[in-house]
């Protein structure tokens, strides 16, 4: 059976046409090279309930899911909460993420920056290679930032961090 993937692009800026997505194209090419069949890509707004519904559906429907966008320190970054809701778990402040942020910001953490240390309970944070933004793996869902440079860095970290989907990111890559 073919390995399958779904991609959920999150952001009002994508839906309004203010920003053009490049992450789905990049990820589709990467996954195709690994023999993974991307079956669906959706673009949705920064709305917790919509994110939760799409992530839950995609998680059930595909072997692996990638989200892009809606993570960070601003008020409209609600992907983490949406993913937590999709799996019925609370959002918690992760000490590993706090330590990575303290190191990056030299101990100068305000409330907005500390939001980036919040992850769904049970998620695996990705802090390798100096990553200091919310990037986590929750079951078969890889939650990645929307900024293209950060998306590419975190998808590389996702390859090395994921024990949950070794067929997607083989250890040799």
N, C-alpha and C. Protein backbone atom coordinates (compact mmCIF):
# COMPACT_ATOMS: atom_id res chain seq x y z
N UNK A 1 0.84 -1.19 0.00
CA UNK A 1 0.00 0.00 0.00
C UNK A 1 0.88 1.25 0.00
N UNK A 2 0.48 2.22 -0.76
CA UNK A 2 1.24 3.46 -0.87
C UNK A 2 1.18 4.24 0.44
N UNK A 3 2.28 4.91 0.77
CA UNK A 3 2.30 5.81 1.92
C UNK A 3 1.63 7.10 1.50
N UNK A 4 0.79 7.64 2.39
CA UNK A 4 0.02 8.82 2.02
C UNK A 4 0.29 9.98 2.97
N UNK A 5 0.08 11.17 2.45
CA UNK A 5 0.26 12.38 3.25
C UNK A 5 -0.82 13.39 2.89
N UNK A 6 -1.10 14.26 3.86
CA UNK A 6 -1.97 15.40 3.65
C UNK A 6 -1.28 16.63 4.18
N UNK A 7 -1.59 17.77 3.58
CA UNK A 7 -0.97 19.03 3.97
C UNK A 7 -2.07 20.03 4.28
N UNK A 8 -1.98 20.65 5.47
CA UNK A 8 -2.95 21.66 5.88
C UNK A 8 -2.20 23.00 5.98
N UNK A 9 -2.54 23.91 5.09
CA UNK A 9 -1.94 25.25 5.08
C UNK A 9 -2.87 26.16 5.87
N UNK A 10 -2.32 26.87 6.85
CA UNK A 10 -3.14 27.65 7.76
C UNK A 10 -2.73 29.12 7.69
N UNK A 11 -3.72 29.97 7.42
CA UNK A 11 -3.44 31.40 7.45
C UNK A 11 -4.42 32.24 6.66
N UNK A 12 -4.96 33.23 7.32
CA UNK A 12 -5.84 34.18 6.64
C UNK A 12 -5.10 34.89 5.52
N UNK A 13 -3.79 35.11 5.70
CA UNK A 13 -3.00 35.80 4.69
C UNK A 13 -2.92 35.00 3.39
N UNK A 14 -3.01 33.68 3.47
CA UNK A 14 -3.03 32.85 2.27
C UNK A 14 -4.38 32.97 1.56
N UNK A 15 -5.44 32.95 2.34
CA UNK A 15 -6.79 33.00 1.77
C UNK A 15 -7.11 34.38 1.18
N UNK A 16 -6.49 35.42 1.71
CA UNK A 16 -6.75 36.77 1.19
C UNK A 16 -5.89 37.10 -0.03
N UNK A 17 -4.89 36.27 -0.31
CA UNK A 17 -4.00 36.52 -1.43
C UNK A 17 -2.85 37.45 -1.08
N UNK A 18 -2.73 37.84 0.19
CA UNK A 18 -1.61 38.71 0.60
C UNK A 18 -0.28 37.99 0.54
N UNK A 19 -0.31 36.67 0.74
CA UNK A 19 0.90 35.85 0.74
C UNK A 19 0.65 34.65 -0.16
N UNK A 20 1.64 34.33 -1.00
CA UNK A 20 1.56 33.14 -1.85
C UNK A 20 2.27 31.99 -1.15
N UNK A 21 1.62 30.85 -1.10
CA UNK A 21 2.24 29.68 -0.46
C UNK A 21 3.31 29.07 -1.35
N UNK A 22 4.43 28.72 -0.76
CA UNK A 22 5.47 27.97 -1.45
C UNK A 22 5.79 26.68 -0.71
N UNK A 23 5.27 26.55 0.51
CA UNK A 23 5.59 25.37 1.32
C UNK A 23 4.98 24.08 0.78
N UNK A 24 3.77 24.14 0.28
CA UNK A 24 3.13 22.92 -0.23
C UNK A 24 3.89 22.38 -1.44
N UNK A 25 4.30 23.27 -2.33
CA UNK A 25 5.06 22.83 -3.51
C UNK A 25 6.37 22.17 -3.08
N UNK A 26 7.08 22.83 -2.17
CA UNK A 26 8.34 22.28 -1.66
C UNK A 26 8.11 20.90 -1.04
N UNK A 27 7.11 20.81 -0.15
CA UNK A 27 6.88 19.55 0.55
C UNK A 27 6.39 18.45 -0.39
N UNK A 28 5.55 18.79 -1.35
CA UNK A 28 5.10 17.78 -2.32
C UNK A 28 6.27 17.19 -3.09
N UNK A 29 7.21 18.03 -3.47
CA UNK A 29 8.40 17.54 -4.19
C UNK A 29 9.24 16.64 -3.30
N UNK A 30 9.46 17.07 -2.05
CA UNK A 30 10.25 16.28 -1.11
C UNK A 30 9.61 14.92 -0.85
N UNK A 31 8.30 14.93 -0.62
CA UNK A 31 7.59 13.69 -0.32
C UNK A 31 7.55 12.77 -1.54
N UNK A 32 7.33 13.33 -2.71
CA UNK A 32 7.32 12.52 -3.93
C UNK A 32 8.66 11.80 -4.10
N UNK A 33 9.76 12.51 -3.82
CA UNK A 33 11.09 11.90 -3.94
C UNK A 33 11.27 10.75 -2.96
N UNK A 34 10.51 10.77 -1.86
CA UNK A 34 10.57 9.68 -0.88
C UNK A 34 9.53 8.60 -1.14
N UNK A 35 8.77 8.74 -2.21
CA UNK A 35 7.75 7.74 -2.54
C UNK A 35 6.45 7.90 -1.77
N UNK A 36 6.21 9.09 -1.24
CA UNK A 36 4.98 9.35 -0.49
C UNK A 36 3.99 10.06 -1.38
N UNK A 37 2.76 9.57 -1.39
CA UNK A 37 1.70 10.11 -2.23
C UNK A 37 0.92 11.18 -1.46
N UNK A 38 1.09 12.44 -1.84
CA UNK A 38 0.31 13.52 -1.23
C UNK A 38 -1.08 13.45 -1.85
N UNK A 39 -2.07 13.18 -0.99
CA UNK A 39 -3.43 12.95 -1.46
C UNK A 39 -4.32 14.19 -1.39
N UNK A 40 -3.95 15.15 -0.51
CA UNK A 40 -4.82 16.31 -0.36
C UNK A 40 -4.05 17.47 0.26
N UNK A 41 -4.33 18.67 -0.24
CA UNK A 41 -3.79 19.92 0.31
C UNK A 41 -4.99 20.85 0.50
N UNK A 42 -5.12 21.43 1.71
CA UNK A 42 -6.19 22.40 1.96
C UNK A 42 -5.59 23.67 2.52
N UNK A 43 -6.28 24.78 2.27
CA UNK A 43 -5.91 26.07 2.85
C UNK A 43 -7.08 26.50 3.71
N UNK A 44 -6.80 26.78 4.99
CA UNK A 44 -7.86 27.12 5.93
C UNK A 44 -7.49 28.37 6.73
N UNK A 45 -8.50 29.03 7.31
CA UNK A 45 -8.23 30.26 8.08
C UNK A 45 -7.66 29.97 9.46
N UNK A 46 -7.20 31.03 10.11
CA UNK A 46 -6.68 30.97 11.48
C UNK A 46 -7.86 30.88 12.45
N UNK A 47 -8.52 29.75 12.47
CA UNK A 47 -9.66 29.51 13.34
C UNK A 47 -9.48 28.17 14.04
N UNK A 48 -9.50 28.19 15.35
CA UNK A 48 -9.19 27.00 16.14
C UNK A 48 -10.07 25.82 15.77
N UNK A 49 -11.39 26.02 15.71
CA UNK A 49 -12.29 24.91 15.41
C UNK A 49 -12.06 24.34 14.02
N UNK A 50 -11.81 25.19 13.04
CA UNK A 50 -11.54 24.74 11.68
C UNK A 50 -10.24 23.95 11.63
N UNK A 51 -9.23 24.45 12.30
CA UNK A 51 -7.94 23.74 12.36
C UNK A 51 -8.13 22.38 13.01
N UNK A 52 -8.83 22.34 14.15
CA UNK A 52 -9.05 21.09 14.86
C UNK A 52 -9.78 20.07 13.98
N UNK A 53 -10.80 20.51 13.29
CA UNK A 53 -11.58 19.59 12.44
C UNK A 53 -10.74 19.04 11.29
N UNK A 54 -10.01 19.91 10.61
CA UNK A 54 -9.19 19.46 9.47
C UNK A 54 -8.06 18.54 9.92
N UNK A 55 -7.38 18.92 11.00
CA UNK A 55 -6.27 18.10 11.49
C UNK A 55 -6.78 16.72 11.92
N UNK A 56 -7.90 16.67 12.63
CA UNK A 56 -8.45 15.38 13.06
C UNK A 56 -8.81 14.51 11.85
N UNK A 57 -9.46 15.11 10.85
CA UNK A 57 -9.83 14.36 9.65
C UNK A 57 -8.58 13.87 8.90
N UNK A 58 -7.61 14.76 8.71
CA UNK A 58 -6.39 14.38 8.00
C UNK A 58 -5.62 13.31 8.76
N UNK A 59 -5.55 13.42 10.08
CA UNK A 59 -4.82 12.44 10.89
C UNK A 59 -5.42 11.05 10.73
N UNK A 60 -6.74 10.98 10.64
CA UNK A 60 -7.41 9.69 10.45
C UNK A 60 -7.24 9.17 9.01
N UNK A 61 -7.13 10.08 8.06
CA UNK A 61 -7.18 9.71 6.64
C UNK A 61 -5.83 9.40 6.01
N UNK A 62 -4.75 9.95 6.58
CA UNK A 62 -3.44 9.82 5.93
C UNK A 62 -2.40 9.27 6.91
N UNK A 63 -1.36 8.68 6.35
CA UNK A 63 -0.28 8.14 7.19
C UNK A 63 0.44 9.24 7.94
N UNK A 64 0.64 10.37 7.28
CA UNK A 64 1.34 11.49 7.90
C UNK A 64 0.69 12.78 7.42
N UNK A 65 0.69 13.78 8.32
CA UNK A 65 0.07 15.07 8.04
C UNK A 65 1.09 16.16 8.35
N UNK A 66 1.10 17.19 7.53
CA UNK A 66 1.94 18.35 7.78
C UNK A 66 1.06 19.58 7.84
N UNK A 67 1.27 20.42 8.86
CA UNK A 67 0.62 21.72 8.86
C UNK A 67 1.69 22.77 8.62
N UNK A 68 1.26 23.86 8.02
CA UNK A 68 2.17 24.98 7.75
C UNK A 68 1.46 26.25 8.16
N UNK A 69 2.06 26.98 9.11
CA UNK A 69 1.54 28.28 9.49
C UNK A 69 0.75 28.28 10.78
N UNK A 70 0.57 29.49 11.28
CA UNK A 70 -0.25 29.68 12.48
C UNK A 70 0.45 29.34 13.78
N UNK A 71 1.78 29.26 13.75
CA UNK A 71 2.54 29.04 14.98
C UNK A 71 3.45 30.25 15.19
N UNK A 72 3.59 30.66 16.41
CA UNK A 72 4.43 31.83 16.69
C UNK A 72 3.88 32.62 17.85
N UNK A 73 4.36 33.84 18.01
CA UNK A 73 4.03 34.62 19.21
C UNK A 73 2.83 35.57 19.09
N UNK A 74 2.18 35.63 17.92
CA UNK A 74 1.14 36.64 17.76
C UNK A 74 -0.26 36.08 18.06
N UNK A 75 -1.21 36.99 18.23
CA UNK A 75 -2.57 36.61 18.63
C UNK A 75 -3.27 35.70 17.63
N UNK A 76 -2.91 35.77 16.37
CA UNK A 76 -3.58 34.94 15.37
C UNK A 76 -2.87 33.62 15.13
N UNK A 77 -1.85 33.32 15.89
CA UNK A 77 -1.15 32.04 15.79
C UNK A 77 -1.85 31.03 16.69
N UNK A 78 -2.83 30.32 16.11
CA UNK A 78 -3.68 29.44 16.91
C UNK A 78 -3.60 27.97 16.49
N UNK A 79 -2.63 27.62 15.66
CA UNK A 79 -2.51 26.24 15.19
C UNK A 79 -2.25 25.27 16.32
N UNK A 80 -1.37 25.63 17.25
CA UNK A 80 -1.06 24.72 18.36
C UNK A 80 -2.33 24.37 19.13
N UNK A 81 -3.13 25.37 19.43
CA UNK A 81 -4.38 25.11 20.15
C UNK A 81 -5.33 24.26 19.31
N UNK A 82 -5.39 24.52 18.02
CA UNK A 82 -6.24 23.72 17.14
C UNK A 82 -5.81 22.27 17.08
N UNK A 83 -4.51 22.02 17.01
CA UNK A 83 -3.99 20.65 16.98
C UNK A 83 -4.27 19.96 18.31
N UNK A 84 -4.07 20.66 19.41
CA UNK A 84 -4.38 20.08 20.72
C UNK A 84 -5.85 19.69 20.79
N UNK A 85 -6.71 20.57 20.32
CA UNK A 85 -8.15 20.28 20.34
C UNK A 85 -8.47 19.08 19.45
N UNK A 86 -7.79 18.94 18.33
CA UNK A 86 -8.03 17.80 17.42
C UNK A 86 -7.78 16.48 18.12
N UNK A 87 -6.84 16.46 19.05
CA UNK A 87 -6.50 15.23 19.76
C UNK A 87 -7.07 15.18 21.18
N UNK A 88 -7.84 16.20 21.56
CA UNK A 88 -8.48 16.20 22.86
C UNK A 88 -7.53 16.33 24.03
N UNK A 89 -6.45 17.09 23.83
CA UNK A 89 -5.47 17.29 24.90
C UNK A 89 -5.30 18.78 25.17
N UNK A 90 -4.81 19.12 26.36
CA UNK A 90 -4.57 20.54 26.64
C UNK A 90 -3.25 21.02 26.02
N UNK A 91 -3.11 22.33 25.97
CA UNK A 91 -1.85 22.96 25.58
C UNK A 91 -1.05 23.15 26.86
N UNK A 92 0.23 22.76 26.82
CA UNK A 92 1.10 22.89 27.99
C UNK A 92 2.37 23.63 27.61
N UNK A 93 2.99 24.24 28.59
CA UNK A 93 4.28 24.90 28.36
C UNK A 93 5.38 23.85 28.51
N UNK A 94 6.15 23.66 27.45
CA UNK A 94 7.17 22.62 27.41
C UNK A 94 8.51 23.16 27.90
N UNK A 95 9.11 22.52 28.91
CA UNK A 95 10.39 23.01 29.44
C UNK A 95 11.53 22.98 28.43
N UNK A 96 11.52 22.02 27.52
CA UNK A 96 12.55 21.96 26.48
C UNK A 96 12.47 23.18 25.57
N UNK A 97 11.24 23.54 25.21
CA UNK A 97 11.04 24.71 24.35
C UNK A 97 11.39 25.99 25.11
N UNK A 98 11.04 26.06 26.39
CA UNK A 98 11.40 27.24 27.19
C UNK A 98 12.91 27.40 27.23
N UNK A 99 13.63 26.30 27.46
CA UNK A 99 15.10 26.36 27.52
C UNK A 99 15.69 26.82 26.19
N UNK A 100 15.15 26.31 25.08
CA UNK A 100 15.65 26.71 23.76
C UNK A 100 15.40 28.20 23.52
N UNK A 101 14.23 28.68 23.92
CA UNK A 101 13.91 30.10 23.76
C UNK A 101 14.77 30.98 24.66
N UNK A 102 15.00 30.54 25.90
CA UNK A 102 15.86 31.31 26.82
C UNK A 102 17.26 31.42 26.25
N UNK A 103 17.76 30.33 25.69
CA UNK A 103 19.09 30.35 25.10
C UNK A 103 19.15 31.30 23.90
N UNK A 104 18.15 31.24 23.05
CA UNK A 104 18.12 32.08 21.85
C UNK A 104 17.98 33.56 22.19
N UNK A 105 17.08 33.88 23.12
CA UNK A 105 16.80 35.27 23.47
C UNK A 105 17.65 35.78 24.64
N UNK A 106 18.62 34.99 25.08
CA UNK A 106 19.49 35.42 26.17
C UNK A 106 18.74 35.63 27.47
N UNK A 107 17.73 34.81 27.72
CA UNK A 107 16.98 34.91 28.96
C UNK A 107 15.92 35.99 28.96
N UNK A 108 15.80 36.75 27.88
CA UNK A 108 14.83 37.84 27.80
C UNK A 108 13.54 37.35 27.17
N UNK A 109 12.71 36.68 27.98
CA UNK A 109 11.46 36.14 27.47
C UNK A 109 10.28 36.96 27.97
N UNK A 110 9.47 37.42 27.05
CA UNK A 110 8.23 38.08 27.43
C UNK A 110 7.08 37.09 27.20
N UNK A 111 5.87 37.50 27.49
CA UNK A 111 4.71 36.62 27.38
C UNK A 111 4.51 36.12 25.95
N UNK A 112 4.71 36.99 24.98
CA UNK A 112 4.54 36.59 23.58
C UNK A 112 5.56 35.51 23.19
N UNK A 113 6.79 35.69 23.57
CA UNK A 113 7.82 34.70 23.24
C UNK A 113 7.56 33.38 23.96
N UNK A 114 7.07 33.45 25.18
CA UNK A 114 6.77 32.22 25.92
C UNK A 114 5.63 31.44 25.28
N UNK A 115 4.76 32.11 24.53
CA UNK A 115 3.70 31.39 23.79
C UNK A 115 4.30 30.35 22.85
N UNK A 116 5.51 30.64 22.37
CA UNK A 116 6.15 29.71 21.44
C UNK A 116 6.64 28.44 22.13
N UNK A 117 6.58 28.39 23.47
CA UNK A 117 6.95 27.19 24.21
C UNK A 117 5.73 26.32 24.53
N UNK A 118 4.56 26.74 24.08
CA UNK A 118 3.34 25.99 24.35
C UNK A 118 3.08 25.00 23.22
N UNK A 119 2.83 23.75 23.63
CA UNK A 119 2.62 22.67 22.67
C UNK A 119 1.48 21.78 23.16
N UNK A 120 0.88 20.99 22.27
CA UNK A 120 -0.13 20.04 22.73
C UNK A 120 0.50 19.01 23.69
N UNK A 121 -0.19 18.70 24.77
CA UNK A 121 0.33 17.72 25.71
C UNK A 121 0.58 16.39 24.99
N UNK A 122 1.77 15.85 25.16
CA UNK A 122 2.14 14.60 24.50
C UNK A 122 2.87 14.78 23.19
N UNK A 123 2.96 16.01 22.70
CA UNK A 123 3.68 16.27 21.46
C UNK A 123 5.18 16.23 21.69
N UNK A 124 5.90 15.93 20.64
CA UNK A 124 7.36 15.90 20.68
C UNK A 124 7.90 17.21 20.10
N UNK A 125 8.54 18.04 20.94
CA UNK A 125 9.07 19.30 20.41
C UNK A 125 10.32 19.06 19.57
N UNK A 126 10.51 19.88 18.57
CA UNK A 126 11.71 19.81 17.75
C UNK A 126 12.55 21.05 18.05
N UNK A 127 13.65 20.85 18.73
CA UNK A 127 14.53 21.96 19.07
C UNK A 127 15.95 21.73 18.56
N UNK A 128 16.14 20.72 17.74
CA UNK A 128 17.47 20.43 17.20
C UNK A 128 17.94 21.54 16.29
N UNK A 129 19.23 21.63 16.12
CA UNK A 129 19.83 22.59 15.19
C UNK A 129 19.41 24.02 15.45
N UNK A 130 19.21 24.36 16.72
CA UNK A 130 18.91 25.74 17.07
C UNK A 130 17.50 26.20 16.73
N UNK A 131 16.58 25.28 16.51
CA UNK A 131 15.20 25.67 16.22
C UNK A 131 14.60 26.31 17.46
N UNK A 132 14.03 27.50 17.32
CA UNK A 132 13.48 28.21 18.48
C UNK A 132 12.07 28.72 18.20
N UNK A 133 11.35 28.00 17.42
CA UNK A 133 9.97 28.36 17.13
C UNK A 133 9.15 27.09 17.27
N UNK A 134 7.84 27.23 17.44
CA UNK A 134 7.03 26.03 17.62
C UNK A 134 7.07 25.12 16.41
N UNK A 135 7.66 24.00 16.58
CA UNK A 135 7.64 22.93 15.59
C UNK A 135 7.56 21.64 16.40
N UNK A 136 6.49 20.91 16.22
CA UNK A 136 6.26 19.73 17.04
C UNK A 136 5.70 18.60 16.20
N UNK A 137 5.83 17.40 16.74
CA UNK A 137 5.19 16.23 16.14
C UNK A 137 4.18 15.72 17.16
N UNK A 138 2.92 15.66 16.74
CA UNK A 138 1.84 15.15 17.58
C UNK A 138 1.25 13.95 16.86
N UNK A 139 1.59 12.77 17.36
CA UNK A 139 1.19 11.52 16.71
C UNK A 139 1.70 11.53 15.28
N UNK A 140 0.83 11.52 14.28
CA UNK A 140 1.28 11.51 12.89
C UNK A 140 1.22 12.90 12.25
N UNK A 141 1.07 13.94 13.06
CA UNK A 141 0.95 15.31 12.56
C UNK A 141 2.22 16.10 12.87
N UNK A 142 2.83 16.64 11.84
CA UNK A 142 4.03 17.46 11.97
C UNK A 142 3.59 18.92 11.85
N UNK A 143 3.71 19.67 12.94
CA UNK A 143 3.25 21.06 13.00
C UNK A 143 4.45 21.96 12.74
N UNK A 144 4.41 22.67 11.61
CA UNK A 144 5.56 23.44 11.16
C UNK A 144 5.17 24.91 10.95
N UNK A 145 6.14 25.81 11.06
CA UNK A 145 5.85 27.23 10.82
C UNK A 145 5.57 27.50 9.35
N UNK A 146 4.96 28.64 9.08
CA UNK A 146 4.62 29.00 7.71
C UNK A 146 5.68 29.78 6.96
N UNK A 147 6.59 30.44 7.67
CA UNK A 147 7.66 31.20 7.02
C UNK A 147 8.53 30.19 6.25
N UNK A 148 8.67 30.35 4.93
CA UNK A 148 9.32 29.33 4.12
C UNK A 148 10.70 28.87 4.61
N UNK A 149 11.56 29.80 5.02
CA UNK A 149 12.89 29.39 5.49
C UNK A 149 12.78 28.54 6.76
N UNK A 150 11.90 28.94 7.65
CA UNK A 150 11.70 28.19 8.89
C UNK A 150 11.00 26.86 8.62
N UNK A 151 10.09 26.85 7.67
CA UNK A 151 9.40 25.63 7.28
C UNK A 151 10.41 24.60 6.80
N UNK A 152 11.33 25.03 5.95
CA UNK A 152 12.33 24.08 5.41
C UNK A 152 13.25 23.58 6.50
N UNK A 153 13.68 24.48 7.40
CA UNK A 153 14.53 24.05 8.53
C UNK A 153 13.80 23.05 9.41
N UNK A 154 12.54 23.34 9.69
CA UNK A 154 11.80 22.46 10.59
C UNK A 154 11.42 21.15 9.92
N UNK A 155 11.22 21.14 8.61
CA UNK A 155 10.94 19.87 7.96
C UNK A 155 12.18 18.99 7.96
N UNK A 156 13.36 19.60 7.90
CA UNK A 156 14.61 18.84 8.03
C UNK A 156 14.74 18.29 9.43
N UNK A 157 14.42 19.11 10.45
CA UNK A 157 14.46 18.64 11.83
C UNK A 157 13.43 17.55 12.05
N UNK A 158 12.30 17.66 11.39
CA UNK A 158 11.26 16.66 11.49
C UNK A 158 11.76 15.31 10.99
N UNK A 159 12.58 15.35 9.95
CA UNK A 159 13.16 14.11 9.44
C UNK A 159 13.99 13.41 10.51
N UNK A 160 14.81 14.17 11.22
CA UNK A 160 15.71 13.54 12.19
C UNK A 160 15.00 13.22 13.50
N UNK A 161 13.92 13.94 13.82
CA UNK A 161 13.27 13.76 15.12
C UNK A 161 12.19 12.69 15.11
N UNK A 162 11.66 12.35 13.96
CA UNK A 162 10.46 11.53 13.94
C UNK A 162 10.73 10.04 14.02
N UNK A 163 10.42 9.50 15.19
CA UNK A 163 10.42 8.05 15.33
C UNK A 163 9.05 7.50 14.96
N UNK A 164 8.04 8.40 14.89
CA UNK A 164 6.68 7.96 14.63
C UNK A 164 6.45 7.63 13.16
N UNK A 165 7.19 8.23 12.27
CA UNK A 165 7.00 7.99 10.83
C UNK A 165 8.34 7.75 10.16
N UNK A 166 9.09 6.71 10.59
CA UNK A 166 10.41 6.50 9.99
C UNK A 166 10.36 6.20 8.50
N UNK A 167 9.22 5.72 8.00
CA UNK A 167 9.14 5.47 6.56
C UNK A 167 9.04 6.76 5.78
N UNK A 168 8.63 7.86 6.42
CA UNK A 168 8.57 9.15 5.75
C UNK A 168 9.95 9.79 5.74
N UNK A 169 10.60 9.82 6.90
CA UNK A 169 11.91 10.44 7.02
C UNK A 169 12.93 9.38 7.41
N UNK A 170 13.46 8.64 6.46
CA UNK A 170 14.45 7.61 6.79
C UNK A 170 15.66 8.20 7.48
N UNK A 171 16.26 7.44 8.37
CA UNK A 171 17.42 7.91 9.15
C UNK A 171 18.58 8.30 8.24
N UNK A 172 18.68 7.74 7.07
CA UNK A 172 19.81 8.03 6.18
C UNK A 172 19.69 9.36 5.48
N UNK A 173 18.54 10.07 5.58
CA UNK A 173 18.41 11.34 4.87
C UNK A 173 18.68 12.51 5.76
